[in-house]
All heavy atoms as atom14 arrays in JSON, in Angstrom:
{
  "sequence": "MEEAREALEGNWSVAVGATAVFLLVSFVAGMVPLGGLIVGGPMAF",
  "atom14_mask": [
    [1, 1, 1, 1, 1, 1, 1, 1, 0, 0, 0, 0, 0, 0],
    [1, 1, 1, 1, 1, 1, 1, 1, 1, 0, 0, 0, 0, 0],
    [1, 1, 1, 1, 1, 1, 1, 1, 1, 0, 0, 0, 0, 0],
    [1, 1, 1, 1, 1, 0, 0, 0, 0, 0, 0, 0, 0, 0],
    [1, 1, 1, 1, 1, 1, 1, 1, 1, 1, 1, 0, 0, 0],
    [1, 1, 1, 1, 1, 1, 1, 1, 1, 0, 0, 0, 0, 0],
    [1, 1, 1, 1, 1, 0, 0, 0, 0, 0, 0, 0, 0, 0],
    [1, 1, 1, 1, 1, 1, 1, 1, 0, 0, 0, 0, 0, 0],
    [1, 1, 1, 1, 1, 1, 1, 1, 1, 0, 0, 0, 0, 0],
    [1, 1, 1, 1, 0, 0, 0, 0, 0, 0, 0, 0, 0, 0],
    [1, 1, 1, 1, 1, 1, 1, 1, 0, 0, 0, 0, 0, 0],
    [1, 1, 1, 1, 1, 1, 1, 1, 1, 1, 1, 1, 1, 1],
    [1, 1, 1, 1, 1, 1, 0, 0, 0, 0, 0, 0, 0, 0],
    [1, 1, 1, 1, 1, 1, 1, 0, 0, 0, 0, 0, 0, 0],
    [1, 1, 1, 1, 1, 0, 0, 0, 0, 0, 0, 0, 0, 0],
    [1, 1, 1, 1, 1, 1, 1, 0, 0, 0, 0, 0, 0, 0],
    [1, 1, 1, 1, 0, 0, 0, 0, 0, 0, 0, 0, 0, 0],
    [1, 1, 1, 1, 1, 0, 0, 0, 0, 0, 0, 0, 0, 0],
    [1, 1, 1, 1, 1, 1, 1, 0, 0, 0, 0, 0, 0, 0],
    [1, 1, 1, 1, 1, 0, 0, 0, 0, 0, 0, 0, 0, 0],
    [1, 1, 1, 1, 1, 1, 1, 0, 0, 0, 0, 0, 0, 0],
    [1, 1, 1, 1, 1, 1, 1, 1, 1, 1, 1, 0, 0, 0],
    [1, 1, 1, 1, 1, 1, 1, 1, 0, 0, 0, 0, 0, 0],
    [1, 1, 1, 1, 1, 1, 1, 1, 0, 0, 0, 0, 0, 0],
    [1, 1, 1, 1, 1, 1, 1, 0, 0, 0, 0, 0, 0, 0],
    [1, 1, 1, 1, 1, 1, 0, 0, 0, 0, 0, 0, 0, 0],
    [1, 1, 1, 1, 1, 1, 1, 1, 1, 1, 1, 0, 0, 0],
    [1, 1, 1, 1, 1, 1, 1, 0, 0, 0, 0, 0, 0, 0],
    [1, 1, 1, 1, 1, 0, 0, 0, 0, 0, 0, 0, 0, 0],
    [1, 1, 1, 1, 0, 0, 0, 0, 0, 0, 0, 0, 0, 0],
    [1, 1, 1, 1, 1, 1, 1, 1, 0, 0, 0, 0, 0, 0],
    [1, 1, 1, 1, 1, 1, 1, 0, 0, 0, 0, 0, 0, 0],
    [1, 1, 1, 1, 1, 1, 1, 0, 0, 0, 0, 0, 0, 0],
    [1, 1, 1, 1, 1, 1, 1, 1, 0, 0, 0, 0, 0, 0],
    [1, 1, 1, 1, 0, 0, 0, 0, 0, 0, 0, 0, 0, 0],
    [1, 1, 1, 1, 0, 0, 0, 0, 0, 0, 0, 0, 0, 0],
    [1, 1, 1, 1, 1, 1, 1, 1, 0, 0, 0, 0, 0, 0],
    [1, 1, 1, 1, 1, 1, 1, 1, 0, 0, 0, 0, 0, 0],
    [1, 1, 1, 1, 1, 1, 1, 0, 0, 0, 0, 0, 0, 0],
    [1, 1, 1, 1, 0, 0, 0, 0, 0, 0, 0, 0, 0, 0],
    [1, 1, 1, 1, 0, 0, 0, 0, 0, 0, 0, 0, 0, 0],
    [1, 1, 1, 1, 1, 1, 1, 0, 0, 0, 0, 0, 0, 0],
    [1, 1, 1, 1, 1, 1, 1, 1, 0, 0, 0, 0, 0, 0],
    [1, 1, 1, 1, 1, 0, 0, 0, 0, 0, 0, 0, 0, 0],
    [1, 1, 1, 1, 1, 1, 1, 1, 1, 1, 1, 0, 0, 0]
  ],
  "atom14_positions": [
    [[-18.19, -10.51, -15.48], [-17.37, -10.64, -14.29], [-15.93, -10.18, -14.56], [-15.31, -9.52, -13.72], [-17.41, -12.07, -13.78], [-18.79, -12.47, -13.27], [-18.95, -14.22, -12.86], [-18.15, -14.24, -11.26], [0.0, 0.0, 0.0], [0.0, 0.0, 0.0], [0.0, 0.0, 0.0], [0.0, 0.0, 0.0], [0.0, 0.0, 0.0], [0.0, 0.0, 0.0]],
    [[-15.41, -10.52, -15.74], [-14.06, -10.07, -16.11], [-14.01, -8.55, -16.22], [-13.06, -7.91, -15.74], [-13.64, -10.69, -17.45], [-13.34, -12.16, -17.39], [-13.2, -12.81, -18.78], [-13.12, -12.07, -19.78], [-13.18, -14.05, -18.83], [0.0, 0.0, 0.0], [0.0, 0.0, 0.0], [0.0, 0.0, 0.0], [0.0, 0.0, 0.0], [0.0, 0.0, 0.0]],
    [[-15.04, -7.97, -16.84], [-15.1, -6.51, -16.96], [-15.2, -5.85, -15.58], [-14.64, -4.77, -15.37], [-16.28, -6.09, -17.83], [-16.09, -6.41, -19.3], [-17.28, -6.0, -20.15], [-18.3, -5.52, -19.59], [-17.19, -6.15, -21.38], [0.0, 0.0, 0.0], [0.0, 0.0, 0.0], [0.0, 0.0, 0.0], [0.0, 0.0, 0.0], [0.0, 0.0, 0.0]],
    [[-15.9, -6.48, -14.67], [-16.01, -5.95, -13.31], [-14.65, -5.95, -12.62], [-14.27, -4.97, -11.97], [-17.01, -6.76, -12.5], [0.0, 0.0, 0.0], [0.0, 0.0, 0.0], [0.0, 0.0, 0.0], [0.0, 0.0, 0.0], [0.0, 0.0, 0.0], [0.0, 0.0, 0.0], [0.0, 0.0, 0.0], [0.0, 0.0, 0.0], [0.0, 0.0, 0.0]],
    [[-13.9, -7.05, -12.78], [-12.55, -7.11, -12.19], [-11.66, -6.03, -12.78], [-10.87, -5.4, -12.07], [-11.94, -8.5, -12.37], [-12.54, -9.55, -11.45], [-11.74, -10.85, -11.46], [-11.61, -11.45, -12.76], [-12.47, -12.31, -13.3], [-13.54, -12.66, -12.62], [-12.26, -12.82, -14.49], [0.0, 0.0, 0.0], [0.0, 0.0, 0.0], [0.0, 0.0, 0.0]],
    [[-11.76, -5.81, -14.1], [-10.98, -4.76, -14.74], [-11.34, -3.38, -14.19], [-10.46, -2.55, -13.95], [-11.2, -4.78, -16.26], [-10.57, -5.95, -16.97], [-11.0, -6.04, -18.44], [-11.54, -5.05, -18.98], [-10.79, -7.12, -19.04], [0.0, 0.0, 0.0], [0.0, 0.0, 0.0], [0.0, 0.0, 0.0], [0.0, 0.0, 0.0], [0.0, 0.0, 0.0]],
    [[-12.63, -3.13, -14.0], [-13.07, -1.84, -13.47], [-12.59, -1.64, -12.04], [-12.32, -0.51, -11.62], [-14.59, -1.73, -13.54], [0.0, 0.0, 0.0], [0.0, 0.0, 0.0], [0.0, 0.0, 0.0], [0.0, 0.0, 0.0], [0.0, 0.0, 0.0], [0.0, 0.0, 0.0], [0.0, 0.0, 0.0], [0.0, 0.0, 0.0], [0.0, 0.0, 0.0]],
    [[-12.45, -2.73, -11.29], [-12.01, -2.65, -9.91], [-10.5, -2.46, -9.77], [-10.03, -2.04, -8.72], [-12.46, -3.89, -9.13], [-13.92, -3.9, -8.73], [-14.4, -5.3, -8.41], [-14.16, -2.97, -7.55], [0.0, 0.0, 0.0], [0.0, 0.0, 0.0], [0.0, 0.0, 0.0], [0.0, 0.0, 0.0], [0.0, 0.0, 0.0], [0.0, 0.0, 0.0]],
    [[-9.76, -2.77, -10.83], [-8.29, -2.59, -10.78], [-7.97, -1.15, -10.42], [-8.43, -0.22, -11.05], [-7.65, -2.97, -12.11], [-7.54, -4.46, -12.33], [-6.9, -4.79, -13.68], [-6.17, -3.95, -14.22], [-7.16, -5.89, -14.17], [0.0, 0.0, 0.0], [0.0, 0.0, 0.0], [0.0, 0.0, 0.0], [0.0, 0.0, 0.0], [0.0, 0.0, 0.0]],
    [[-7.17, -0.98, -9.39], [-6.79, 0.35, -8.94], [-7.86, 1.03, -8.09], [-7.65, 2.13, -7.58], [0.0, 0.0, 0.0], [0.0, 0.0, 0.0], [0.0, 0.0, 0.0], [0.0, 0.0, 0.0], [0.0, 0.0, 0.0], [0.0, 0.0, 0.0], [0.0, 0.0, 0.0], [0.0, 0.0, 0.0], [0.0, 0.0, 0.0], [0.0, 0.0, 0.0]],
    [[-9.02, 0.4, -7.95], [-10.13, 0.96, -7.17], [-10.55, 0.07, -6.01], [-11.57, 0.34, -5.37], [-11.34, 1.21, -8.07], [-11.12, 2.34, -9.03], [-10.76, 3.43, -8.63], [-11.34, 2.08, -10.31], [0.0, 0.0, 0.0], [0.0, 0.0, 0.0], [0.0, 0.0, 0.0], [0.0, 0.0, 0.0], [0.0, 0.0, 0.0], [0.0, 0.0, 0.0]],
    [[-9.79, -0.99, -5.77], [-10.2, -1.92, -4.72], [-10.28, -1.24, -3.36], [-11.2, -1.49, -2.58], [-9.25, -3.12, -4.65], [-9.6, -4.19, -5.63], [-8.95, -4.48, -6.79], [-10.7, -5.1, -5.55], [-9.59, -5.52, -7.43], [-10.66, -5.92, -6.69], [-11.72, -5.3, -4.63], [-11.59, -6.93, -6.93], [-12.65, -6.31, -4.86], [-12.57, -7.1, -6.01]],
    [[-9.33, -0.36, -3.04], [-9.33, 0.25, -1.71], [-10.57, 1.1, -1.49], [-11.2, 1.02, -0.43], [-8.05, 1.06, -1.48], [-7.92, 2.06, -2.47], [0.0, 0.0, 0.0], [0.0, 0.0, 0.0], [0.0, 0.0, 0.0], [0.0, 0.0, 0.0], [0.0, 0.0, 0.0], [0.0, 0.0, 0.0], [0.0, 0.0, 0.0], [0.0, 0.0, 0.0]],
    [[-10.94, 1.92, -2.48], [-12.13, 2.76, -2.32], [-13.39, 1.89, -2.32], [-14.34, 2.17, -1.58], [-12.19, 3.88, -3.37], [-12.48, 3.35, -4.76], [-13.23, 4.92, -3.0], [0.0, 0.0, 0.0], [0.0, 0.0, 0.0], [0.0, 0.0, 0.0], [0.0, 0.0, 0.0], [0.0, 0.0, 0.0], [0.0, 0.0, 0.0], [0.0, 0.0, 0.0]],
    [[-13.41, 0.82, -3.11], [-14.58, -0.08, -3.16], [-14.73, -0.83, -1.84], [-15.86, -0.96, -1.32], [-14.45, -1.05, -4.32], [0.0, 0.0, 0.0], [0.0, 0.0, 0.0], [0.0, 0.0, 0.0], [0.0, 0.0, 0.0], [0.0, 0.0, 0.0], [0.0, 0.0, 0.0], [0.0, 0.0, 0.0], [0.0, 0.0, 0.0], [0.0, 0.0, 0.0]],
    [[-13.63, -1.32, -1.28], [-13.68, -2.02, 0.01], [-14.08, -1.03, 1.11], [-14.89, -1.36, 1.98], [-12.33, -2.7, 0.31], [-12.26, -3.18, 1.75], [-12.11, -3.87, -0.65], [0.0, 0.0, 0.0], [0.0, 0.0, 0.0], [0.0, 0.0, 0.0], [0.0, 0.0, 0.0], [0.0, 0.0, 0.0], [0.0, 0.0, 0.0], [0.0, 0.0, 0.0]],
    [[-13.53, 0.19, 1.05], [-13.9, 1.21, 2.04], [-15.38, 1.55, 1.97], [-16.06, 1.66, 3.0], [0.0, 0.0, 0.0], [0.0, 0.0, 0.0], [0.0, 0.0, 0.0], [0.0, 0.0, 0.0], [0.0, 0.0, 0.0], [0.0, 0.0, 0.0], [0.0, 0.0, 0.0], [0.0, 0.0, 0.0], [0.0, 0.0, 0.0], [0.0, 0.0, 0.0]],
    [[-15.9, 1.71, 0.75], [-17.33, 2.01, 0.58], [-18.18, 0.85, 1.1], [-19.22, 1.08, 1.74], [-17.63, 2.28, -0.89], [0.0, 0.0, 0.0], [0.0, 0.0, 0.0], [0.0, 0.0, 0.0], [0.0, 0.0, 0.0], [0.0, 0.0, 0.0], [0.0, 0.0, 0.0], [0.0, 0.0, 0.0], [0.0, 0.0, 0.0], [0.0, 0.0, 0.0]],
    [[-17.74, -0.36, 0.84], [-18.49, -1.53, 1.33], [-18.48, -1.58, 2.85], [-19.5, -1.87, 3.47], [-17.89, -2.82, 0.73], [-17.97, -2.74, -0.69], [-18.61, -4.05, 1.23], [0.0, 0.0, 0.0], [0.0, 0.0, 0.0], [0.0, 0.0, 0.0], [0.0, 0.0, 0.0], [0.0, 0.0, 0.0], [0.0, 0.0, 0.0], [0.0, 0.0, 0.0]],
    [[-17.33, -1.27, 3.45], [-17.24, -1.26, 4.92], [-18.19, -0.22, 5.5], [-18.9, -0.49, 6.47], [-15.8, -0.99, 5.35], [0.0, 0.0, 0.0], [0.0, 0.0, 0.0], [0.0, 0.0, 0.0], [0.0, 0.0, 0.0], [0.0, 0.0, 0.0], [0.0, 0.0, 0.0], [0.0, 0.0, 0.0], [0.0, 0.0, 0.0], [0.0, 0.0, 0.0]],
    [[-18.23, 0.96, 4.89], [-19.14, 2.01, 5.36], [-20.59, 1.56, 5.2], [-21.4, 1.7, 6.13], [-18.89, 3.34, 4.6], [-19.99, 4.35, 4.88], [-17.52, 3.9, 4.96], [0.0, 0.0, 0.0], [0.0, 0.0, 0.0], [0.0, 0.0, 0.0], [0.0, 0.0, 0.0], [0.0, 0.0, 0.0], [0.0, 0.0, 0.0], [0.0, 0.0, 0.0]],
    [[-20.91, 1.0, 4.04], [-22.27, 0.53, 3.79], [-22.67, -0.54, 4.81], [-23.77, -0.49, 5.38], [-22.38, -0.03, 2.37], [-23.62, -0.84, 2.13], [-24.87, -0.25, 2.08], [-23.54, -2.22, 1.98], [-26.02, -1.0, 1.88], [-24.67, -2.97, 1.77], [-25.91, -2.36, 1.73], [0.0, 0.0, 0.0], [0.0, 0.0, 0.0], [0.0, 0.0, 0.0]],
    [[-21.8, -1.52, 5.03], [-22.13, -2.6, 5.98], [-22.26, -2.07, 7.4], [-23.15, -2.5, 8.15], [-21.07, -3.71, 5.9], [-21.04, -4.51, 4.6], [-19.85, -5.48, 4.58], [-22.34, -5.25, 4.37], [0.0, 0.0, 0.0], [0.0, 0.0, 0.0], [0.0, 0.0, 0.0], [0.0, 0.0, 0.0], [0.0, 0.0, 0.0], [0.0, 0.0, 0.0]],
    [[-21.41, -1.12, 7.77], [-21.47, -0.53, 9.11], [-22.78, 0.25, 9.31], [-23.47, 0.07, 10.32], [-20.27, 0.38, 9.36], [-20.21, 1.05, 10.73], [-20.06, -0.01, 11.82], [-19.06, 2.03, 10.79], [0.0, 0.0, 0.0], [0.0, 0.0, 0.0], [0.0, 0.0, 0.0], [0.0, 0.0, 0.0], [0.0, 0.0, 0.0], [0.0, 0.0, 0.0]],
    [[-23.13, 1.09, 8.33], [-24.37, 1.86, 8.42], [-25.57, 0.9, 8.47], [-26.49, 1.09, 9.27], [-24.51, 2.84, 7.23], [-25.91, 3.44, 7.16], [-23.46, 3.95, 7.34], [0.0, 0.0, 0.0], [0.0, 0.0, 0.0], [0.0, 0.0, 0.0], [0.0, 0.0, 0.0], [0.0, 0.0, 0.0], [0.0, 0.0, 0.0], [0.0, 0.0, 0.0]],
    [[-25.55, -0.13, 7.63], [-26.65, -1.1, 7.62], [-26.76, -1.84, 8.95], [-27.86, -2.07, 9.46], [-26.46, -2.1, 6.49], [-26.46, -1.44, 5.25], [0.0, 0.0, 0.0], [0.0, 0.0, 0.0], [0.0, 0.0, 0.0], [0.0, 0.0, 0.0], [0.0, 0.0, 0.0], [0.0, 0.0, 0.0], [0.0, 0.0, 0.0], [0.0, 0.0, 0.0]],
    [[-25.62, -2.2, 9.53], [-25.6, -2.9, 10.81], [-26.17, -2.02, 11.92], [-27.04, -2.45, 12.69], [-24.18, -3.35, 11.16], [-24.06, -4.0, 12.51], [-24.52, -5.29, 12.71], [-23.51, -3.31, 13.58], [-24.42, -5.89, 13.95], [-23.42, -3.9, 14.83], [-23.87, -5.2, 15.02], [0.0, 0.0, 0.0], [0.0, 0.0, 0.0], [0.0, 0.0, 0.0]],
    [[-25.69, -0.78, 12.0], [-26.15, 0.14, 13.04], [-27.64, 0.43, 12.86], [-28.41, 0.42, 13.82], [-25.32, 1.44, 13.04], [-25.93, 2.48, 13.95], [-23.88, 1.14, 13.45], [0.0, 0.0, 0.0], [0.0, 0.0, 0.0], [0.0, 0.0, 0.0], [0.0, 0.0, 0.0], [0.0, 0.0, 0.0], [0.0, 0.0, 0.0], [0.0, 0.0, 0.0]],
    [[-28.06, 0.68, 11.62], [-29.48, 0.96, 11.36], [-30.34, -0.24, 11.71], [-31.47, -0.08, 12.2], [-29.68, 1.34, 9.9], [0.0, 0.0, 0.0], [0.0, 0.0, 0.0], [0.0, 0.0, 0.0], [0.0, 0.0, 0.0], [0.0, 0.0, 0.0], [0.0, 0.0, 0.0], [0.0, 0.0, 0.0], [0.0, 0.0, 0.0], [0.0, 0.0, 0.0]],
    [[-29.82, -1.43, 11.49], [-30.56, -2.65, 11.79], [-30.78, -2.87, 13.28], [-31.66, -3.63, 13.69], [0.0, 0.0, 0.0], [0.0, 0.0, 0.0], [0.0, 0.0, 0.0], [0.0, 0.0, 0.0], [0.0, 0.0, 0.0], [0.0, 0.0, 0.0], [0.0, 0.0, 0.0], [0.0, 0.0, 0.0], [0.0, 0.0, 0.0], [0.0, 0.0, 0.0]],
    [[-30.0, -2.2, 14.11], [-30.14, -2.33, 15.56], [-31.3, -1.48, 16.09], [-31.73, -1.68, 17.22], [-28.83, -1.94, 16.24], [-27.69, -2.89, 15.89], [-26.13, -2.38, 16.59], [-26.39, -2.79, 18.3], [0.0, 0.0, 0.0], [0.0, 0.0, 0.0], [0.0, 0.0, 0.0], [0.0, 0.0, 0.0], [0.0, 0.0, 0.0], [0.0, 0.0, 0.0]],
    [[-31.76, -0.53, 15.29], [-32.87, 0.34, 15.68], [-34.15, -0.23, 15.05], [-34.13, -0.6, 13.87], [-32.62, 1.78, 15.16], [-33.78, 2.69, 15.48], [-31.31, 2.32, 15.71], [0.0, 0.0, 0.0], [0.0, 0.0, 0.0], [0.0, 0.0, 0.0], [0.0, 0.0, 0.0], [0.0, 0.0, 0.0], [0.0, 0.0, 0.0], [0.0, 0.0, 0.0]],
    [[-35.22, -0.3, 15.79], [-36.47, -0.81, 15.19], [-36.83, -0.03, 13.92], [-36.86, 1.19, 13.93], [-37.51, -0.59, 16.29], [-36.72, -0.58, 17.56], [-35.4, 0.02, 17.21], [0.0, 0.0, 0.0], [0.0, 0.0, 0.0], [0.0, 0.0, 0.0], [0.0, 0.0, 0.0], [0.0, 0.0, 0.0], [0.0, 0.0, 0.0], [0.0, 0.0, 0.0]],
    [[-37.06, -0.75, 12.85], [-37.37, -0.21, 11.52], [-36.24, 0.61, 10.9], [-36.4, 1.16, 9.82], [-38.66, 0.63, 11.54], [-39.93, -0.1, 11.94], [-41.09, 0.86, 12.01], [-40.24, -1.24, 11.0], [0.0, 0.0, 0.0], [0.0, 0.0, 0.0], [0.0, 0.0, 0.0], [0.0, 0.0, 0.0], [0.0, 0.0, 0.0], [0.0, 0.0, 0.0]],
    [[-35.11, 0.68, 11.58], [-33.97, 1.46, 11.07], [-33.43, 0.93, 9.76], [-33.14, 1.69, 8.84], [0.0, 0.0, 0.0], [0.0, 0.0, 0.0], [0.0, 0.0, 0.0], [0.0, 0.0, 0.0], [0.0, 0.0, 0.0], [0.0, 0.0, 0.0], [0.0, 0.0, 0.0], [0.0, 0.0, 0.0], [0.0, 0.0, 0.0], [0.0, 0.0, 0.0]],
    [[-33.31, -0.39, 9.67], [-32.82, -1.0, 8.44], [-33.72, -0.72, 7.26], [-33.27, -0.46, 6.15], [0.0, 0.0, 0.0], [0.0, 0.0, 0.0], [0.0, 0.0, 0.0], [0.0, 0.0, 0.0], [0.0, 0.0, 0.0], [0.0, 0.0, 0.0], [0.0, 0.0, 0.0], [0.0, 0.0, 0.0], [0.0, 0.0, 0.0], [0.0, 0.0, 0.0]],
    [[-35.02, -0.73, 7.51], [-35.99, -0.45, 6.46], [-35.92, 1.02, 6.04], [-35.96, 1.34, 4.85], [-37.39, -0.8, 6.95], [-38.51, -0.72, 5.93], [-38.26, -1.72, 4.79], [-39.84, -0.99, 6.58], [0.0, 0.0, 0.0], [0.0, 0.0, 0.0], [0.0, 0.0, 0.0], [0.0, 0.0, 0.0], [0.0, 0.0, 0.0], [0.0, 0.0, 0.0]],
    [[-35.77, 1.89, 7.01], [-35.76, 3.32, 6.73], [-34.52, 3.74, 5.92], [-34.62, 4.53, 4.99], [-35.87, 4.13, 8.04], [-37.27, 3.95, 8.62], [-35.58, 5.61, 7.81], [-37.45, 4.48, 10.02], [0.0, 0.0, 0.0], [0.0, 0.0, 0.0], [0.0, 0.0, 0.0], [0.0, 0.0, 0.0], [0.0, 0.0, 0.0], [0.0, 0.0, 0.0]],
    [[-33.36, 3.18, 6.26], [-32.16, 3.57, 5.51], [-31.9, 2.64, 4.32], [-31.04, 2.92, 3.49], [-30.89, 3.62, 6.41], [-31.06, 4.6, 7.54], [-30.48, 2.26, 6.9], [0.0, 0.0, 0.0], [0.0, 0.0, 0.0], [0.0, 0.0, 0.0], [0.0, 0.0, 0.0], [0.0, 0.0, 0.0], [0.0, 0.0, 0.0], [0.0, 0.0, 0.0]],
    [[-32.68, 1.56, 4.21], [-32.47, 0.58, 3.14], [-32.57, 1.17, 1.75], [-31.72, 0.93, 0.9], [0.0, 0.0, 0.0], [0.0, 0.0, 0.0], [0.0, 0.0, 0.0], [0.0, 0.0, 0.0], [0.0, 0.0, 0.0], [0.0, 0.0, 0.0], [0.0, 0.0, 0.0], [0.0, 0.0, 0.0], [0.0, 0.0, 0.0], [0.0, 0.0, 0.0]],
    [[-33.61, 1.94, 1.49], [-33.8, 2.54, 0.16], [-32.72, 3.54, -0.2], [-32.08, 3.42, -1.25], [0.0, 0.0, 0.0], [0.0, 0.0, 0.0], [0.0, 0.0, 0.0], [0.0, 0.0, 0.0], [0.0, 0.0, 0.0], [0.0, 0.0, 0.0], [0.0, 0.0, 0.0], [0.0, 0.0, 0.0], [0.0, 0.0, 0.0], [0.0, 0.0, 0.0]],
    [[-32.48, 4.53, 0.68], [-31.42, 5.49, 0.36], [-30.05, 4.85, 0.19], [-29.27, 5.23, -0.68], [-31.44, 6.45, 1.55], [-32.83, 6.37, 2.08], [-33.25, 4.94, 1.85], [0.0, 0.0, 0.0], [0.0, 0.0, 0.0], [0.0, 0.0, 0.0], [0.0, 0.0, 0.0], [0.0, 0.0, 0.0], [0.0, 0.0, 0.0], [0.0, 0.0, 0.0]],
    [[-29.75, 3.83, 1.01], [-28.45, 3.19, 0.89], [-28.37, 2.34, -0.38], [-27.32, 2.28, -1.03], [-28.15, 2.34, 2.13], [-27.89, 3.16, 3.39], [-26.55, 4.38, 3.25], [-25.12, 3.32, 3.16], [0.0, 0.0, 0.0], [0.0, 0.0, 0.0], [0.0, 0.0, 0.0], [0.0, 0.0, 0.0], [0.0, 0.0, 0.0], [0.0, 0.0, 0.0]],
    [[-29.47, 1.68, -0.76], [-29.47, 0.91, -2.01], [-29.26, 1.84, -3.2], [-28.53, 1.51, -4.14], [-30.79, 0.15, -2.16], [0.0, 0.0, 0.0], [0.0, 0.0, 0.0], [0.0, 0.0, 0.0], [0.0, 0.0, 0.0], [0.0, 0.0, 0.0], [0.0, 0.0, 0.0], [0.0, 0.0, 0.0], [0.0, 0.0, 0.0], [0.0, 0.0, 0.0]],
    [[-29.87, 3.01, -3.16], [-29.67, 4.03, -4.18], [-28.19, 4.44, -4.23], [-27.58, 4.53, -5.3], [-30.55, 5.25, -3.88], [-30.43, 6.38, -4.86], [-31.36, 6.54, -5.86], [-29.39, 7.31, -4.77], [-31.28, 7.59, -6.77], [-29.28, 8.35, -5.67], [-30.23, 8.5, -6.67], [0.0, 0.0, 0.0], [0.0, 0.0, 0.0], [0.0, 0.0, 0.0]]
  ]
}
């Protein structure tokens, strides 16, 4: 966990931005039947 915090130093903005994009894509895909399942694998990758 300490090493993770060190790796995030100076990268929080890009990490938070990536998380926001991921959560938004997951939310939108989840609104479509089977959408969450279809994009789940590629997004997890």
